[in-house]
C-alpha atoms as a PDB file:
ATOM      1  CA  UNK A   1    -211.621  71.270-200.981  1.00  0.00           C
ATOM      2  CA  UNK A   2    -213.805  72.489-198.598  1.00  0.00           C
ATOM      3  CA  UNK A   3    -213.022  72.970-194.518  1.00  0.00           C
ATOM      4  CA  UNK A   4    -214.723  69.877-193.387  1.00  0.00           C
ATOM      5  CA  UNK A   5    -212.707  67.938-196.018  1.00  0.00           C
ATOM      6  CA  UNK A   6    -209.512  69.841-195.193  1.00  0.00           C
ATOM      7  CA  UNK A   7    -210.338  69.133-190.846  1.00  0.00           C
ATOM      8  CA  UNK A   8    -210.503  65.283-192.146  1.00  0.00           C
ATOM      9  CA  UNK A   9    -207.606  65.497-194.151  1.00  0.00           C
ATOM     10  CA  UNK A  10    -205.378  67.199-191.486  1.00  0.00           C
ATOM     11  CA  UNK A  11    -206.815  65.039-188.577  1.00  0.00           C
ATOM     12  CA  UNK A  12    -205.923  62.218-190.748  1.00  0.00           C
ATOM     13  CA  UNK A  13    -202.442  63.070-191.157  1.00  0.00           C
ATOM     14  CA  UNK A  14    -201.966  63.903-187.611  1.00  0.00           C
ATOM     15  CA  UNK A  15    -203.274  60.746-186.410  1.00  0.00           C
ATOM     16  CA  UNK A  16    -201.007  59.107-188.474  1.00  0.00           C
ATOM     17  CA  UNK A  17    -198.113  60.959-187.691  1.00  0.00           C
ATOM     18  CA  UNK A  18    -199.023  60.038-183.555  1.00  0.00           C
ATOM     19  CA  UNK A  19    -199.206  56.454-184.232  1.00  0.00           C
ATOM     20  CA  UNK A  20    -196.197  55.939-186.019  1.00  0.00           C
ATOM     21  CA  UNK A  21    -193.823  57.869-183.562  1.00  0.00           C
ATOM     22  CA  UNK A  22    -195.423  55.882-180.704  1.00  0.00           C
ATOM     23  CA  UNK A  23    -194.727  52.987-182.951  1.00  0.00           C
ATOM     24  CA  UNK A  24    -190.995  53.701-181.896  1.00  0.00           C
ATOM     25  CA  UNK A  25    -189.097  54.522-178.823  1.00  0.00           C
ATOM     26  CA  UNK A  26    -186.441  56.906-178.258  1.00  0.00           C
ATOM     27  CA  UNK A  27    -183.926  54.674-179.104  1.00  0.00           C
ATOM     28  CA  UNK A  28    -185.475  53.487-182.323  1.00  0.00           C
ATOM     29  CA  UNK A  29    -186.601  49.759-181.029  1.00  0.00           C
ATOM     30  CA  UNK A  30    -189.901  49.152-182.023  1.00  0.00           C
ATOM     31  CA  UNK A  31    -189.787  45.858-180.478  1.00  0.00           C
ATOM     32  CA  UNK A  32    -188.446  43.310-177.324  1.00  0.00           C
ATOM     33  CA  UNK A  33    -187.339  41.142-180.174  1.00  0.00           C
ATOM     34  CA  UNK A  34    -185.889  44.475-182.061  1.00  0.00           C
ATOM     35  CA  UNK A  35    -184.149  45.561-178.927  1.00  0.00           C
ATOM     36  CA  UNK A  36    -182.203  41.845-178.974  1.00  0.00           C
ATOM     37  CA  UNK A  37    -181.350  41.509-182.636  1.00  0.00           C
ATOM     38  CA  UNK A  38    -180.180  44.835-183.054  1.00  0.00           C
ATOM     39  CA  UNK A  39    -178.270  44.972-179.810  1.00  0.00           C
ATOM     40  CA  UNK A  40    -174.363  45.580-180.840  1.00  0.00           C
ATOM     41  CA  UNK A  41    -173.620  47.466-177.062  1.00  0.00           C
ATOM     42  CA  UNK A  42    -174.262  49.650-174.590  1.00  0.00           C
ATOM     43  CA  UNK A  43    -173.291  52.766-171.880  1.00  0.00           C
ATOM     44  CA  UNK A  44    -174.585  52.858-168.889  1.00  0.00           C
ATOM     45  CA  UNK A  45    -174.284  54.224-164.859  1.00  0.00           C
ATOM     46  CA  UNK A  46    -175.673  51.617-163.347  1.00  0.00           C
ATOM     47  CA  UNK A  47    -175.768  50.236-159.187  1.00  0.00           C
ATOM     48  CA  UNK A  48    -174.546  47.097-158.803  1.00  0.00           C
ATOM     49  CA  UNK A  49    -176.085  45.364-155.518  1.00  0.00           C
ATOM     50  CA  UNK A  50    -173.809  42.193-154.357  1.00  0.00           C
ATOM     51  CA  UNK A  51    -176.367  40.551-152.112  1.00  0.00           C
ATOM     52  CA  UNK A  52    -175.012  37.137-151.408  1.00  0.00           C
ATOM     53  CA  UNK A  53    -173.561  38.514-148.307  1.00  0.00           C
ATOM     54  CA  UNK A  54    -175.595  39.111-144.668  1.00  0.00           C
ATOM     55  CA  UNK A  55    -174.500  43.266-145.348  1.00  0.00           C
ATOM     56  CA  UNK A  56    -175.416  44.126-148.894  1.00  0.00           C
ATOM     57  CA  UNK A  57    -171.931  45.455-151.146  1.00  0.00           C
ATOM     58  CA  UNK A  58    -173.110  48.208-153.499  1.00  0.00           C
ATOM     59  CA  UNK A  59    -171.264  49.229-156.264  1.00  0.00           C
ATOM     60  CA  UNK A  60    -172.232  52.580-158.551  1.00  0.00           C
ATOM     61  CA  UNK A  61    -170.518  52.391-161.783  1.00  0.00           C
ATOM     62  CA  UNK A  62    -170.544  53.475-165.300  1.00  0.00           C
ATOM     63  CA  UNK A  63    -170.780  50.454-167.815  1.00  0.00           C
ATOM     64  CA  UNK A  64    -169.823  50.081-171.287  1.00  0.00           C
ATOM     65  CA  UNK A  65    -169.286  46.805-173.433  1.00  0.00           C
ATOM     66  CA  UNK A  66    -170.320  45.321-176.676  1.00  0.00           C
ATOM     67  CA  UNK A  67    -171.269  42.287-178.063  1.00  0.00           C
ATOM     68  CA  UNK A  68    -167.681  41.737-179.454  1.00  0.00           C
ATOM     69  CA  UNK A  69    -166.781  40.854-175.920  1.00  0.00           C
ATOM     70  CA  UNK A  70    -165.306  44.423-174.917  1.00  0.00           C
ATOM     71  CA  UNK A  71    -166.288  46.408-172.046  1.00  0.00           C
ATOM     72  CA  UNK A  72    -164.868  48.631-169.382  1.00  0.00           C
ATOM     73  CA  UNK A  73    -166.718  49.848-166.435  1.00  0.00           C
ATOM     74  CA  UNK A  74    -165.767  52.627-163.961  1.00  0.00           C
ATOM     75  CA  UNK A  75    -166.244  52.653-160.008  1.00  0.00           C
ATOM     76  CA  UNK A  76    -167.753  55.544-158.866  1.00  0.00           C
ATOM     77  CA  UNK A  77    -168.795  54.389-155.311  1.00  0.00           C
ATOM     78  CA  UNK A  78    -167.654  53.181-152.722  1.00  0.00           C
ATOM     79  CA  UNK A  79    -165.552  56.328-152.478  1.00  0.00           C
ATOM     80  CA  UNK A  80    -162.541  54.238-151.691  1.00  0.00           C
ATOM     81  CA  UNK A  81    -162.630  52.937-155.071  1.00  0.00           C
ATOM     82  CA  UNK A  82    -163.792  55.333-156.774  1.00  0.00           C
ATOM     83  CA  UNK A  83    -161.916  55.425-160.203  1.00  0.00           C
ATOM     84  CA  UNK A  84    -161.205  51.682-160.418  1.00  0.00           C
ATOM     85  CA  UNK A  85    -161.485  50.930-164.067  1.00  0.00           C
ATOM     86  CA  UNK A  86    -162.061  47.253-165.427  1.00  0.00           C
ATOM     87  CA  UNK A  87    -161.163  46.863-168.835  1.00  0.00           C
ATOM     88  CA  UNK A  88    -161.632  43.628-171.433  1.00  0.00           C
ATOM     89  CA  UNK A  89    -159.793  44.819-174.700  1.00  0.00           C
ATOM     90  CA  UNK A  90    -160.705  41.455-176.432  1.00  0.00           C
ATOM     91  CA  UNK A  91    -157.268  40.330-175.746  1.00  0.00           C
ATOM     92  CA  UNK A  92    -156.894  40.875-171.750  1.00  0.00           C
ATOM     93  CA  UNK A  93    -158.517  42.055-169.024  1.00  0.00           C
ATOM     94  CA  UNK A  94    -156.996  44.869-166.706  1.00  0.00           C
ATOM     95  CA  UNK A  95    -157.866  46.734-163.749  1.00  0.00           C
ATOM     96  CA  UNK A  96    -156.159  49.899-162.928  1.00  0.00           C
ATOM     97  CA  UNK A  97    -156.616  51.277-159.499  1.00  0.00           C
ATOM     98  CA  UNK A  98    -155.875  55.225-158.728  1.00  0.00           C
ATOM     99  CA  UNK A  99    -154.645  54.479-155.152  1.00  0.00           C
ATOM    100  CA  UNK A 100    -151.544  52.619-156.032  1.00  0.00           C
ATOM    101  CA  UNK A 101    -151.888  54.515-160.017  1.00  0.00           C
ATOM    102  CA  UNK A 102    -150.956  50.522-161.138  1.00  0.00           C
ATOM    103  CA  UNK A 103    -152.804  47.968-164.161  1.00  0.00           C
ATOM    104  CA  UNK A 104    -152.843  44.685-163.487  1.00  0.00           C
ATOM    105  CA  UNK A 105    -153.451  41.945-165.411  1.00  0.00           C
ATOM    106  CA  UNK A 106    -156.970  39.855-163.910  1.00  0.00           C
ATOM    107  CA  UNK A 107    -158.012  36.466-164.453  1.00  0.00           C
ATOM    108  CA  UNK A 108    -161.483  35.944-166.093  1.00  0.00           C
ATOM    109  CA  UNK A 109    -164.451  35.906-163.411  1.00  0.00           C
ATOM    110  CA  UNK A 110    -168.146  34.858-164.552  1.00  0.00           C
ATOM    111  CA  UNK A 111    -169.209  37.331-161.518  1.00  0.00           C
ATOM    112  CA  UNK A 112    -167.783  40.634-163.521  1.00  0.00           C
ATOM    113  CA  UNK A 113    -169.443  38.796-166.849  1.00  0.00           C
ATOM    114  CA  UNK A 114    -172.768  38.622-165.470  1.00  0.00           C
ATOM    115  CA  UNK A 115    -172.902  41.976-163.760  1.00  0.00           C
ATOM    116  CA  UNK A 116    -172.723  43.436-167.546  1.00  0.00           C
ATOM    117  CA  UNK A 117    -176.129  43.268-170.184  1.00  0.00           C
ATOM    118  CA  UNK A 118    -174.206  41.828-172.625  1.00  0.00           C
ATOM    119  CA  UNK A 119    -173.656  38.600-170.983  1.00  0.00           C
ATOM    120  CA  UNK A 120    -177.583  38.584-170.972  1.00  0.00           C
ATOM    121  CA  UNK A 121    -177.801  39.576-174.500  1.00  0.00           C
ATOM    122  CA  UNK A 122    -175.564  36.756-175.545  1.00  0.00           C
ATOM    123  CA  UNK A 123    -177.383  34.090-173.750  1.00  0.00           C
ATOM    124  CA  UNK A 124    -181.258  35.191-175.165  1.00  0.00           C
ATOM    125  CA  UNK A 125    -180.011  35.014-178.531  1.00  0.00           C
ATOM    126  CA  UNK A 126    -178.933  31.251-178.061  1.00  0.00           C
ATOM    127  CA  UNK A 127    -181.316  30.084-175.245  1.00  0.00           C
ATOM    128  CA  UNK A 128    -184.114  27.728-175.847  1.00  0.00           C
ATOM    129  CA  UNK A 129    -185.468  28.163-171.855  1.00  0.00           C
ATOM    130  CA  UNK A 130    -186.438  31.780-172.523  1.00  0.00           C
ATOM    131  CA  UNK A 131    -189.571  32.768-169.867  1.00  0.00           C
ATOM    132  CA  UNK A 132    -191.055  36.141-170.731  1.00  0.00           C
ATOM    133  CA  UNK A 133    -193.688  37.759-168.647  1.00  0.00           C
ATOM    134  CA  UNK A 134    -195.584  41.380-169.159  1.00  0.00           C
ATOM    135  CA  UNK A 135    -195.551  42.566-164.857  1.00  0.00           C
ATOM    136  CA  UNK A 136    -196.890  45.944-163.687  1.00  0.00           C
ATOM    137  CA  UNK A 137    -194.407  47.806-161.398  1.00  0.00           C
ATOM    138  CA  UNK A 138    -194.780  51.375-159.737  1.00  0.00           C
ATOM    139  CA  UNK A 139    -197.180  52.269-162.362  1.00  0.00           C
ATOM    140  CA  UNK A 140    -195.430  50.618-165.390  1.00  0.00           C
ATOM    141  CA  UNK A 141    -195.653  47.776-167.668  1.00  0.00           C
ATOM    142  CA  UNK A 142    -192.745  45.784-167.721  1.00  0.00           C
ATOM    143  CA  UNK A 143    -191.783  43.091-169.551  1.00  0.00           C
ATOM    144  CA  UNK A 144    -189.849  40.081-168.104  1.00  0.00           C
ATOM    145  CA  UNK A 145    -187.235  37.745-169.308  1.00  0.00           C
ATOM    146  CA  UNK A 146    -185.811  34.819-167.417  1.00  0.00           C
ATOM    147  CA  UNK A 147    -183.254  32.081-168.671  1.00  0.00           C
ATOM    148  CA  UNK A 148    -181.008  29.370-166.652  1.00  0.00           C
ATOM    149  CA  UNK A 149    -177.579  30.482-166.357  1.00  0.00           C
ATOM    150  CA  UNK A 150    -175.373  27.719-167.564  1.00  0.00           C
ATOM    151  CA  UNK A 151    -172.295  26.329-165.897  1.00  0.00           C
ATOM    152  CA  UNK A 152    -173.820  24.637-162.571  1.00  0.00           C
ATOM    153  CA  UNK A 153    -172.623  27.889-160.557  1.00  0.00           C
ATOM    154  CA  UNK A 154    -173.996  27.965-157.117  1.00  0.00           C
ATOM    155  CA  UNK A 155    -174.509  31.680-156.610  1.00  0.00           C
ATOM    156  CA  UNK A 156    -175.613  32.056-160.443  1.00  0.00           C
ATOM    157  CA  UNK A 157    -178.552  29.756-161.696  1.00  0.00           C
ATOM    158  CA  UNK A 158    -180.850  32.032-163.226  1.00  0.00           C
ATOM    159  CA  UNK A 159    -181.430  35.692-164.737  1.00  0.00           C
ATOM    160  CA  UNK A 160    -183.957  37.902-164.941  1.00  0.00           C
ATOM    161  CA  UNK A 161    -184.303  41.627-167.525  1.00  0.00           C
ATOM    162  CA  UNK A 162    -187.345  43.938-166.197  1.00  0.00           C
ATOM    163  CA  UNK A 163    -187.219  45.854-169.364  1.00  0.00           C
ATOM    164  CA  UNK A 164    -189.384  48.890-169.656  1.00  0.00           C
ATOM    165  CA  UNK A 165    -192.619  47.744-172.084  1.00  0.00           C
ATOM    166  CA  UNK A 166    -193.073  51.512-173.292  1.00  0.00           C
ATOM    167  CA  UNK A 167    -189.526  52.504-173.609  1.00  0.00           C
ATOM    168  CA  UNK A 168    -187.692  49.408-174.252  1.00  0.00           C
ATOM    169  CA  UNK A 169    -184.870  50.106-172.102  1.00  0.00           C
ATOM    170  CA  UNK A 170    -183.960  47.830-169.315  1.00  0.00           C
ATOM    171  CA  UNK A 171    -184.772  48.815-165.566  1.00  0.00           C
ATOM    172  CA  UNK A 172    -183.208  45.998-163.756  1.00  0.00           C
ATOM    173  CA  UNK A 173    -181.308  42.752-164.314  1.00  0.00           C
ATOM    174  CA  UNK A 174    -181.407  40.145-161.519  1.00  0.00           C
ATOM    175  CA  UNK A 175    -179.182  37.213-160.838  1.00  0.00           C
ATOM    176  CA  UNK A 176    -180.657  34.490-158.178  1.00  0.00           C
ATOM    177  CA  UNK A 177    -178.929  31.775-156.459  1.00  0.00           C
ATOM    178  CA  UNK A 178    -179.702  27.915-157.073  1.00  0.00           C
ATOM    179  CA  UNK A 179    -182.112  28.142-154.320  1.00  0.00           C
ATOM    180  CA  UNK A 180    -183.516  31.424-155.614  1.00  0.00           C
ATOM    181  CA  UNK A 181    -182.131  33.734-153.523  1.00  0.00           C
ATOM    182  CA  UNK A 182    -180.857  36.860-155.139  1.00  0.00           C
ATOM    183  CA  UNK A 183    -177.280  37.180-155.391  1.00  0.00           C
ATOM    184  CA  UNK A 184    -176.680  40.550-157.507  1.00  0.00           C
ATOM    185  CA  UNK A 185    -178.796  42.974-158.672  1.00  0.00           C
ATOM    186  CA  UNK A 186    -177.828  45.577-161.283  1.00  0.00           C
ATOM    187  CA  UNK A 187    -180.960  48.672-161.629  1.00  0.00           C
ATOM    188  CA  UNK A 188    -179.895  50.936-164.633  1.00  0.00           C
ATOM    189  CA  UNK A 189    -179.700  54.290-164.128  1.00  0.00           C
ATOM    190  CA  UNK A 190    -179.388  55.500-167.339  1.00  0.00           C
ATOM    191  CA  UNK A 191    -178.938  53.878-170.316  1.00  0.00           C
ATOM    192  CA  UNK A 192    -177.381  54.587-173.774  1.00  0.00           C
ATOM    193  CA  UNK A 193    -178.333  51.872-176.285  1.00  0.00           C
ATOM    194  CA  UNK A 194    -175.578  50.921-180.033  1.00  0.00           C
ATOM    195  CA  UNK A 195    -173.610  53.984-178.532  1.00  0.00           C
END
C-alpha cells in the first residue's frame, strides 16, 4: 500500500470513528425517541421554582426517581428545610424533617408528583397530544416537548420539557396553569440518566 492509499484509509477510519462517536451522546442515547423509550429513571440536582404566588418560592434539591413509581428528594435549600427528605417506596410516602427528627406519612400530592421528570415521561409514553418543536436558546439547539396534564387541575394544565438536542439531557421543565402562566419550573443543574 502506498502513502496515498494509507492516508486515504486512515482518513476514512478517522472520519468513521468521529461519525460514530457523534451519533451517541455521553449517556448512550442517540435520539429523543430513544431518550424516552430507554428511560428507566434518573438522579438530578434541580432548582424548583413555585411561581403561582406573587413571590416565587425556590427550592434546591436532589431528586432520584424511577418509572416503577419510587422516588426520593432531599432538599438542600432553603436552609430552614435543608435535609428534609420525601420518599415513596412503592407502598407509602414519608417525609423526614431533620429539625424534629421525625418521619411522618404523607398523603399523595399532584404537585409533588409533577415536579418529577418521571411523571412527564409516563405521560409522554401514553399521550396522543404531544407537540414537539426545535428552538434556539443561549446558543444551544433545544427540543421542546409539550403536552396537556389530564385531570382538570387549575394550576397544572400543561407542561413543557426542554431537552438539549446535542446531549439529549433535560434543561428545564415548565408547568403552566389554565391561563398559560408558569406555576412550576424545574431547572436541571445536573442529570444522570438510568442511574
